[in-house]
Amino acid sequence: MRAPMELWDYRPDVYNRGQALDLVGYHVQATDGKIGSVDEATYEVGESFLIVDTGPWIFGKKVLLPAQVITKIDPQERDIFVARTKAEIKDAPEFDEGAHKEPEYRTRLGDYYRRFPG
C-alpha cells in the first residue's frame, strides 16, 4: 500500500518537477473515456491534485483527482490519462469548493482512491 502522502504527489515517470507545465485546459481521459478538462492544477510536494470540470458528463460538476492517479501527460495532444474508470471517479466523494484543501476532506478522498489498484 502506498504511503498516504504519495497519493498527493505526481509519479516521477509522469511529471518532472523541474519542467514548467501548466495543465489547465488539458483533457482528462479515464481508462474508459474522456471525463472533462482541467480547471485547476497544483504542483506542491505532497499536496498535488487536479480539479476537473466534467461539463455535461456529470452535469457540470467538478471532481478532484489526487496527482498519483495520473499515469501519463501528453503535452502535444494536451491530454492527461488517469488510472481510474468513469464510474470510479463519478462515485468519489463529491467535490467541495469550500473544503477541498481541508485535511478531513483530503483524507476522505484519499481513503476512497486508495481502494483501487494502480
C-alpha atoms as a PDB file:
ATOM      1  CA  MET A   1       0.000   0.000   0.000  1.00  0.00           C
ATOM      2  CA  ARG A   2       1.222   3.467  -0.879  1.00  0.00           C
ATOM      3  CA  ALA A   3       2.141   5.912   1.847  1.00  0.00           C
ATOM      4  CA  PRO A   4      -0.633   8.477   2.451  1.00  0.00           C
ATOM      5  CA  MET A   5       1.289  11.453   1.075  1.00  0.00           C
ATOM      6  CA  GLU A   6       2.327   9.650  -2.124  1.00  0.00           C
ATOM      7  CA  LEU A   7      -1.272   9.835  -3.349  1.00  0.00           C
ATOM      8  CA  TRP A   8      -0.873  13.612  -3.492  1.00  0.00           C
ATOM      9  CA  ASP A   9       2.395  13.555  -5.493  1.00  0.00           C
ATOM     10  CA  TYR A  10       2.913  13.133  -9.220  1.00  0.00           C
ATOM     11  CA  ARG A  11       4.518   9.854 -10.253  1.00  0.00           C
ATOM     12  CA  PRO A  12       8.183  10.511 -11.132  1.00  0.00           C
ATOM     13  CA  ASP A  13       7.760   8.925 -14.568  1.00  0.00           C
ATOM     14  CA  VAL A  14       4.764  11.179 -15.337  1.00  0.00           C
ATOM     15  CA  TYR A  15       5.802  14.672 -14.280  1.00  0.00           C
ATOM     16  CA  ASN A  16       9.245  16.078 -13.596  1.00  0.00           C
ATOM     17  CA  ARG A  17       9.048  18.988 -11.163  1.00  0.00           C
ATOM     18  CA  GLY A  18      11.998  20.572 -12.959  1.00  0.00           C
ATOM     19  CA  GLN A  19       9.866  21.252 -16.023  1.00  0.00           C
ATOM     20  CA  ALA A  20       7.309  24.040 -16.267  1.00  0.00           C
ATOM     21  CA  LEU A  21       3.972  22.597 -17.311  1.00  0.00           C
ATOM     22  CA  ASP A  22       0.581  24.274 -16.967  1.00  0.00           C
ATOM     23  CA  LEU A  23      -2.069  21.547 -17.086  1.00  0.00           C
ATOM     24  CA  VAL A  24      -5.099  23.883 -17.042  1.00  0.00           C
ATOM     25  CA  GLY A  25      -7.254  23.202 -20.084  1.00  0.00           C
ATOM     26  CA  TYR A  26      -5.848  19.726 -20.727  1.00  0.00           C
ATOM     27  CA  HIS A  27      -8.404  16.998 -21.500  1.00  0.00           C
ATOM     28  CA  VAL A  28      -8.654  14.258 -18.870  1.00  0.00           C
ATOM     29  CA  GLN A  29      -9.089  10.674 -20.011  1.00  0.00           C
ATOM     30  CA  ALA A  30     -10.289   7.934 -17.654  1.00  0.00           C
ATOM     31  CA  THR A  31      -9.458   4.344 -18.589  1.00  0.00           C
ATOM     32  CA  ASP A  32     -12.811   4.200 -20.422  1.00  0.00           C
ATOM     33  CA  GLY A  33     -13.084   7.655 -21.990  1.00  0.00           C
ATOM     34  CA  LYS A  34     -12.951  11.410 -21.563  1.00  0.00           C
ATOM     35  CA  ILE A  35     -14.250  12.863 -18.298  1.00  0.00           C
ATOM     36  CA  GLY A  36     -13.600  16.572 -18.770  1.00  0.00           C
ATOM     37  CA  SER A  37     -10.875  19.182 -18.697  1.00  0.00           C
ATOM     38  CA  VAL A  38      -8.535  20.534 -16.047  1.00  0.00           C
ATOM     39  CA  ASP A  39      -9.893  23.610 -14.298  1.00  0.00           C
ATOM     40  CA  GLU A  40      -7.063  23.882 -11.766  1.00  0.00           C
ATOM     41  CA  ALA A  41      -3.811  22.030 -11.092  1.00  0.00           C
ATOM     42  CA  THR A  42      -1.457  22.191  -8.136  1.00  0.00           C
ATOM     43  CA  TYR A  43       2.177  21.169  -8.024  1.00  0.00           C
ATOM     44  CA  GLU A  44       3.165  21.283  -4.330  1.00  0.00           C
ATOM     45  CA  VAL A  45       5.049  18.308  -2.936  1.00  0.00           C
ATOM     46  CA  GLY A  46       2.617  16.098  -1.024  1.00  0.00           C
ATOM     47  CA  GLU A  47      -0.395  18.263  -1.936  1.00  0.00           C
ATOM     48  CA  SER A  48      -0.764  17.977  -5.715  1.00  0.00           C
ATOM     49  CA  PHE A  49      -4.105  17.427  -7.397  1.00  0.00           C
ATOM     50  CA  LEU A  50      -6.259  18.298 -10.380  1.00  0.00           C
ATOM     51  CA  ILE A  51      -9.708  19.836 -10.295  1.00  0.00           C
ATOM     52  CA  VAL A  52     -11.560  18.590 -13.370  1.00  0.00           C
ATOM     53  CA  ASP A  53     -14.632  20.262 -14.819  1.00  0.00           C
ATOM     54  CA  THR A  54     -16.734  17.366 -16.062  1.00  0.00           C
ATOM     55  CA  GLY A  55     -19.009  19.529 -18.209  1.00  0.00           C
ATOM     56  CA  PRO A  56     -22.070  17.601 -19.407  1.00  0.00           C
ATOM     57  CA  TRP A  57     -20.669  14.228 -18.334  1.00  0.00           C
ATOM     58  CA  ILE A  58     -21.896  14.634 -14.725  1.00  0.00           C
ATOM     59  CA  PHE A  59     -23.945  17.773 -15.246  1.00  0.00           C
ATOM     60  CA  GLY A  60     -21.293  20.404 -14.843  1.00  0.00           C
ATOM     61  CA  LYS A  61     -19.872  19.095 -11.593  1.00  0.00           C
ATOM     62  CA  LYS A  62     -16.207  19.198 -10.716  1.00  0.00           C
ATOM     63  CA  VAL A  63     -14.112  16.356  -9.356  1.00  0.00           C
ATOM     64  CA  LEU A  64     -10.804  16.406  -7.514  1.00  0.00           C
ATOM     65  CA  LEU A  65      -8.184  13.859  -8.551  1.00  0.00           C
ATOM     66  CA  PRO A  66      -5.034  13.202  -6.499  1.00  0.00           C
ATOM     67  CA  ALA A  67      -1.880  13.586  -8.624  1.00  0.00           C
ATOM     68  CA  GLN A  68      -0.902   9.923  -8.127  1.00  0.00           C
ATOM     69  CA  VAL A  69      -3.828   8.666 -10.264  1.00  0.00           C
ATOM     70  CA  ILE A  70      -2.279  10.343 -13.333  1.00  0.00           C
ATOM     71  CA  THR A  71      -0.480   7.772 -15.470  1.00  0.00           C
ATOM     72  CA  LYS A  72       0.525   9.891 -18.464  1.00  0.00           C
ATOM     73  CA  ILE A  73       0.646  13.520 -19.574  1.00  0.00           C
ATOM     74  CA  ASP A  74       0.765  14.208 -23.320  1.00  0.00           C
ATOM     75  CA  PRO A  75       1.741  17.884 -23.813  1.00  0.00           C
ATOM     76  CA  GLN A  76       1.434  17.680 -27.624  1.00  0.00           C
ATOM     77  CA  GLU A  77      -2.184  16.483 -27.536  1.00  0.00           C
ATOM     78  CA  ARG A  78      -2.923  18.291 -24.235  1.00  0.00           C
ATOM     79  CA  ASP A  79      -4.232  15.037 -22.734  1.00  0.00           C
ATOM     80  CA  ILE A  80      -3.921  13.637 -19.219  1.00  0.00           C
ATOM     81  CA  PHE A  81      -4.587   9.952 -18.620  1.00  0.00           C
ATOM     82  CA  VAL A  82      -5.720   8.647 -15.225  1.00  0.00           C
ATOM     83  CA  ALA A  83      -5.813   5.121 -13.797  1.00  0.00           C
ATOM     84  CA  ARG A  84      -9.490   5.203 -12.872  1.00  0.00           C
ATOM     85  CA  THR A  85     -12.743   4.437 -14.689  1.00  0.00           C
ATOM     86  CA  LYS A  86     -15.501   6.975 -15.189  1.00  0.00           C
ATOM     87  CA  ALA A  87     -17.623   5.155 -12.601  1.00  0.00           C
ATOM     88  CA  GLU A  88     -14.829   5.201 -10.000  1.00  0.00           C
ATOM     89  CA  ILE A  89     -14.389   8.938 -10.498  1.00  0.00           C
ATOM     90  CA  LYS A  90     -18.127   9.637 -10.501  1.00  0.00           C
ATOM     91  CA  ASP A  91     -18.578   7.682  -7.243  1.00  0.00           C
ATOM     92  CA  ALA A  92     -15.798   9.563  -5.409  1.00  0.00           C
ATOM     93  CA  PRO A  93     -16.721  11.898  -2.539  1.00  0.00           C
ATOM     94  CA  GLU A  94     -18.329  14.990  -4.011  1.00  0.00           C
ATOM     95  CA  PHE A  95     -16.035  17.923  -4.748  1.00  0.00           C
ATOM     96  CA  ASP A  96     -16.408  20.643  -2.128  1.00  0.00           C
ATOM     97  CA  GLU A  97     -15.155  24.033  -3.323  1.00  0.00           C
ATOM     98  CA  GLY A  98     -15.005  25.350   0.238  1.00  0.00           C
ATOM     99  CA  ALA A  99     -13.301  22.360   1.855  1.00  0.00           C
ATOM    100  CA  HIS A 100     -11.124  20.776  -0.841  1.00  0.00           C
ATOM    101  CA  LYS A 101      -7.939  21.972   0.853  1.00  0.00           C
ATOM    102  CA  GLU A 102      -9.001  20.850   4.330  1.00  0.00           C
ATOM    103  CA  PRO A 103      -7.225  17.776   5.770  1.00  0.00           C
ATOM    104  CA  GLU A 104     -10.511  15.986   6.595  1.00  0.00           C
ATOM    105  CA  TYR A 105     -11.759  16.213   3.016  1.00  0.00           C
ATOM    106  CA  ARG A 106      -8.398  15.170   1.575  1.00  0.00           C
ATOM    107  CA  THR A 107      -8.266  12.195   3.967  1.00  0.00           C
ATOM    108  CA  ARG A 108     -11.771  11.073   2.961  1.00  0.00           C
ATOM    109  CA  LEU A 109     -10.932  11.437  -0.740  1.00  0.00           C
ATOM    110  CA  GLY A 110      -7.573   9.703  -0.262  1.00  0.00           C
ATOM    111  CA  ASP A 111      -9.223   6.783   1.539  1.00  0.00           C
ATOM    112  CA  TYR A 112     -11.609   6.407  -1.391  1.00  0.00           C
ATOM    113  CA  TYR A 113      -8.938   6.465  -4.117  1.00  0.00           C
ATOM    114  CA  ARG A 114      -6.603   4.103  -2.216  1.00  0.00           C
ATOM    115  CA  ARG A 115      -9.201   1.343  -2.510  1.00  0.00           C
ATOM    116  CA  PHE A 116      -8.318   0.884  -6.185  1.00  0.00           C
ATOM    117  CA  PRO A 117      -5.153  -0.640  -7.605  1.00  0.00           C
ATOM    118  CA  GLY A 118      -2.883   1.440  -9.752  1.00  0.00           C
END
